[in-house]
Amino acid sequence: MNINNELATDLISEADSIVIFGSSLGVTDRKWWKLIGQNVEKRGCGLIYFVRDKSKDDSATPNFRRRWIREIMDIVKQRLELPQDVEVYTKRICIGINKPIFSSIELIK
């Protein structure tokens, strides 16, 4: 394992909360998703996952938005290798679809 992987492993393992943006839910990152899942399960770590999806219209009804969040939540729990039927994990995971995560940050000129 190289030094960057060791550092990432340590940071993920010790984190109280993890924010992910700009990352897919691909199986190629299984190692990292599994490590995050272990942290969510064993340490109660919180996870905030921001999704950018142009096919999801921001003006959709609340029912559609809830359905999209449930669908993404199921995929996230699958990637984290968490039991699908355990509600406690769902309370530790927050999904944001097309949210402006950096909108309140002022640029220094």
C-alpha atoms as a PDB file:
ATOM      1  CA  MET A   1       0.000   0.000   0.000  1.00  0.00           C
ATOM      2  CA  ASN A   2       1.422   3.400  -0.904  1.00  0.00           C
ATOM      3  CA  ILE A   3       1.621   6.344   1.483  1.00  0.00           C
ATOM      4  CA  ASN A   4      -1.426   8.116  -0.047  1.00  0.00           C
ATOM      5  CA  ASN A   5      -3.590   5.012   0.378  1.00  0.00           C
ATOM      6  CA  GLU A   6      -2.391   4.620   3.964  1.00  0.00           C
ATOM      7  CA  LEU A   7      -3.198   8.251   4.724  1.00  0.00           C
ATOM      8  CA  ALA A   8      -6.649   7.976   3.099  1.00  0.00           C
ATOM      9  CA  THR A   9      -7.343   4.770   5.020  1.00  0.00           C
ATOM     10  CA  ASP A  10      -6.387   6.422   8.317  1.00  0.00           C
ATOM     11  CA  LEU A  11      -8.461   9.531   7.612  1.00  0.00           C
ATOM     12  CA  ILE A  12     -11.548   7.525   6.648  1.00  0.00           C
ATOM     13  CA  SER A  13     -11.173   5.149   9.599  1.00  0.00           C
ATOM     14  CA  GLU A  14     -10.935   8.002  12.114  1.00  0.00           C
ATOM     15  CA  ALA A  15     -13.525  10.361  10.621  1.00  0.00           C
ATOM     16  CA  ASP A  16     -16.653  11.347  12.527  1.00  0.00           C
ATOM     17  CA  SER A  17     -18.281  12.496   9.306  1.00  0.00           C
ATOM     18  CA  ILE A  18     -17.446  12.141   5.641  1.00  0.00           C
ATOM     19  CA  VAL A  19     -18.609  14.376   2.801  1.00  0.00           C
ATOM     20  CA  ILE A  20     -18.421  13.017  -0.738  1.00  0.00           C
ATOM     21  CA  PHE A  21     -18.982  15.046  -3.883  1.00  0.00           C
ATOM     22  CA  GLY A  22     -17.776  14.582  -7.413  1.00  0.00           C
ATOM     23  CA  SER A  23     -17.520  10.819  -7.005  1.00  0.00           C
ATOM     24  CA  SER A  24     -19.503   8.090  -8.647  1.00  0.00           C
ATOM     25  CA  LEU A  25     -20.890   5.015  -6.953  1.00  0.00           C
ATOM     26  CA  GLY A  26     -18.838   2.752  -9.173  1.00  0.00           C
ATOM     27  CA  VAL A  27     -17.644  -0.669  -8.116  1.00  0.00           C
ATOM     28  CA  THR A  28     -14.049   0.286  -8.994  1.00  0.00           C
ATOM     29  CA  ASP A  29     -13.885   2.194  -5.698  1.00  0.00           C
ATOM     30  CA  ARG A  30     -15.197  -0.778  -3.717  1.00  0.00           C
ATOM     31  CA  LYS A  31     -12.257  -0.674  -1.295  1.00  0.00           C
ATOM     32  CA  TRP A  32     -13.038   2.911  -0.257  1.00  0.00           C
ATOM     33  CA  TRP A  33     -16.804   2.455  -0.115  1.00  0.00           C
ATOM     34  CA  LYS A  34     -16.375  -0.646   2.049  1.00  0.00           C
ATOM     35  CA  LEU A  35     -14.031   1.208   4.410  1.00  0.00           C
ATOM     36  CA  ILE A  36     -16.514   4.082   4.716  1.00  0.00           C
ATOM     37  CA  GLY A  37     -19.299   1.547   5.334  1.00  0.00           C
ATOM     38  CA  GLN A  38     -17.318  -0.056   8.157  1.00  0.00           C
ATOM     39  CA  ASN A  39     -16.875   3.367   9.724  1.00  0.00           C
ATOM     40  CA  VAL A  40     -20.601   4.157   9.405  1.00  0.00           C
ATOM     41  CA  GLU A  41     -21.525   0.777  10.877  1.00  0.00           C
ATOM     42  CA  LYS A  42     -18.996   0.419  13.696  1.00  0.00           C
ATOM     43  CA  ARG A  43     -18.243   4.015  14.700  1.00  0.00           C
ATOM     44  CA  GLY A  44     -21.509   5.733  13.824  1.00  0.00           C
ATOM     45  CA  CYS A  45     -19.822   8.003  11.304  1.00  0.00           C
ATOM     46  CA  GLY A  46     -22.117  10.286   9.328  1.00  0.00           C
ATOM     47  CA  LEU A  47     -21.992  10.390   5.544  1.00  0.00           C
ATOM     48  CA  ILE A  48     -23.122  13.242   3.311  1.00  0.00           C
ATOM     49  CA  TYR A  49     -23.214  12.297  -0.357  1.00  0.00           C
ATOM     50  CA  PHE A  50     -23.793  15.013  -2.941  1.00  0.00           C
ATOM     51  CA  VAL A  51     -25.056  13.883  -6.338  1.00  0.00           C
ATOM     52  CA  ARG A  52     -25.031  15.959  -9.490  1.00  0.00           C
ATOM     53  CA  ASP A  53     -27.501  14.534 -11.976  1.00  0.00           C
ATOM     54  CA  LYS A  54     -28.735  16.663 -14.861  1.00  0.00           C
ATOM     55  CA  SER A  55     -31.539  14.197 -15.533  1.00  0.00           C
ATOM     56  CA  LYS A  56     -33.059  15.028 -12.139  1.00  0.00           C
ATOM     57  CA  ASP A  57     -35.080  18.201 -12.548  1.00  0.00           C
ATOM     58  CA  ASP A  58     -34.796  20.599  -9.606  1.00  0.00           C
ATOM     59  CA  SER A  59     -38.434  21.564 -10.042  1.00  0.00           C
ATOM     60  CA  ALA A  60     -39.659  17.999  -9.482  1.00  0.00           C
ATOM     61  CA  THR A  61     -42.381  17.376  -6.957  1.00  0.00           C
ATOM     62  CA  PRO A  62     -41.354  16.409  -3.411  1.00  0.00           C
ATOM     63  CA  ASN A  63     -42.602  12.856  -4.047  1.00  0.00           C
ATOM     64  CA  PHE A  64     -40.251  12.444  -7.007  1.00  0.00           C
ATOM     65  CA  ARG A  65     -37.344  13.905  -5.039  1.00  0.00           C
ATOM     66  CA  ARG A  66     -38.001  11.492  -2.138  1.00  0.00           C
ATOM     67  CA  ARG A  67     -38.086   8.577  -4.579  1.00  0.00           C
ATOM     68  CA  TRP A  68     -34.794   9.644  -6.144  1.00  0.00           C
ATOM     69  CA  ILE A  69     -33.204   9.960  -2.706  1.00  0.00           C
ATOM     70  CA  ARG A  70     -34.461   6.475  -1.739  1.00  0.00           C
ATOM     71  CA  GLU A  71     -33.041   5.033  -4.959  1.00  0.00           C
ATOM     72  CA  ILE A  72     -29.650   6.654  -4.379  1.00  0.00           C
ATOM     73  CA  MET A  73     -29.741   5.658  -0.697  1.00  0.00           C
ATOM     74  CA  ASP A  74     -30.249   2.011  -1.673  1.00  0.00           C
ATOM     75  CA  ILE A  75     -27.253   2.169  -4.014  1.00  0.00           C
ATOM     76  CA  VAL A  76     -25.125   3.923  -1.375  1.00  0.00           C
ATOM     77  CA  LYS A  77     -25.995   1.309   1.259  1.00  0.00           C
ATOM     78  CA  GLN A  78     -25.199  -1.423  -1.256  1.00  0.00           C
ATOM     79  CA  ARG A  79     -21.805   0.119  -2.061  1.00  0.00           C
ATOM     80  CA  LEU A  80     -21.090   0.607   1.648  1.00  0.00           C
ATOM     81  CA  GLU A  81     -22.048  -3.067   2.109  1.00  0.00           C
ATOM     82  CA  LEU A  82     -24.554  -2.141   4.805  1.00  0.00           C
ATOM     83  CA  PRO A  83     -27.652  -4.228   5.488  1.00  0.00           C
ATOM     84  CA  GLN A  84     -30.466  -2.807   3.345  1.00  0.00           C
ATOM     85  CA  ASP A  85     -33.106  -3.326   6.013  1.00  0.00           C
ATOM     86  CA  VAL A  86     -31.426  -1.548   8.929  1.00  0.00           C
ATOM     87  CA  GLU A  87     -32.961   1.905   9.312  1.00  0.00           C
ATOM     88  CA  VAL A  88     -30.297   3.166  11.739  1.00  0.00           C
ATOM     89  CA  TYR A  89     -27.782   3.477   8.892  1.00  0.00           C
ATOM     90  CA  THR A  90     -30.207   5.521   6.837  1.00  0.00           C
ATOM     91  CA  LYS A  91     -30.266   8.092   9.651  1.00  0.00           C
ATOM     92  CA  ARG A  92     -26.487   8.451   9.386  1.00  0.00           C
ATOM     93  CA  ILE A  93     -26.512   9.061   5.628  1.00  0.00           C
ATOM     94  CA  CYS A  94     -27.673  12.272   3.965  1.00  0.00           C
ATOM     95  CA  ILE A  95     -28.177  12.512   0.204  1.00  0.00           C
ATOM     96  CA  GLY A  96     -28.200  15.843  -1.607  1.00  0.00           C
ATOM     97  CA  ILE A  97     -29.280  15.931  -5.260  1.00  0.00           C
ATOM     98  CA  ASN A  98     -28.158  18.931  -7.320  1.00  0.00           C
ATOM     99  CA  LYS A  99     -27.521  20.981  -4.175  1.00  0.00           C
ATOM    100  CA  PRO A 100     -25.226  24.010  -4.395  1.00  0.00           C
ATOM    101  CA  ILE A 101     -22.641  22.811  -1.889  1.00  0.00           C
ATOM    102  CA  PHE A 102     -20.217  25.695  -2.369  1.00  0.00           C
ATOM    103  CA  SER A 103     -22.717  28.503  -2.888  1.00  0.00           C
ATOM    104  CA  SER A 104     -22.089  30.103   0.517  1.00  0.00           C
ATOM    105  CA  ILE A 105     -18.307  30.224   0.145  1.00  0.00           C
ATOM    106  CA  GLU A 106     -16.971  33.639  -0.792  1.00  0.00           C
ATOM    107  CA  LEU A 107     -13.986  33.721  -3.092  1.00  0.00           C
ATOM    108  CA  ILE A 108     -10.969  35.648  -1.894  1.00  0.00           C
ATOM    109  CA  LYS A 109      -9.777  38.104  -4.512  1.00  0.00           C
END
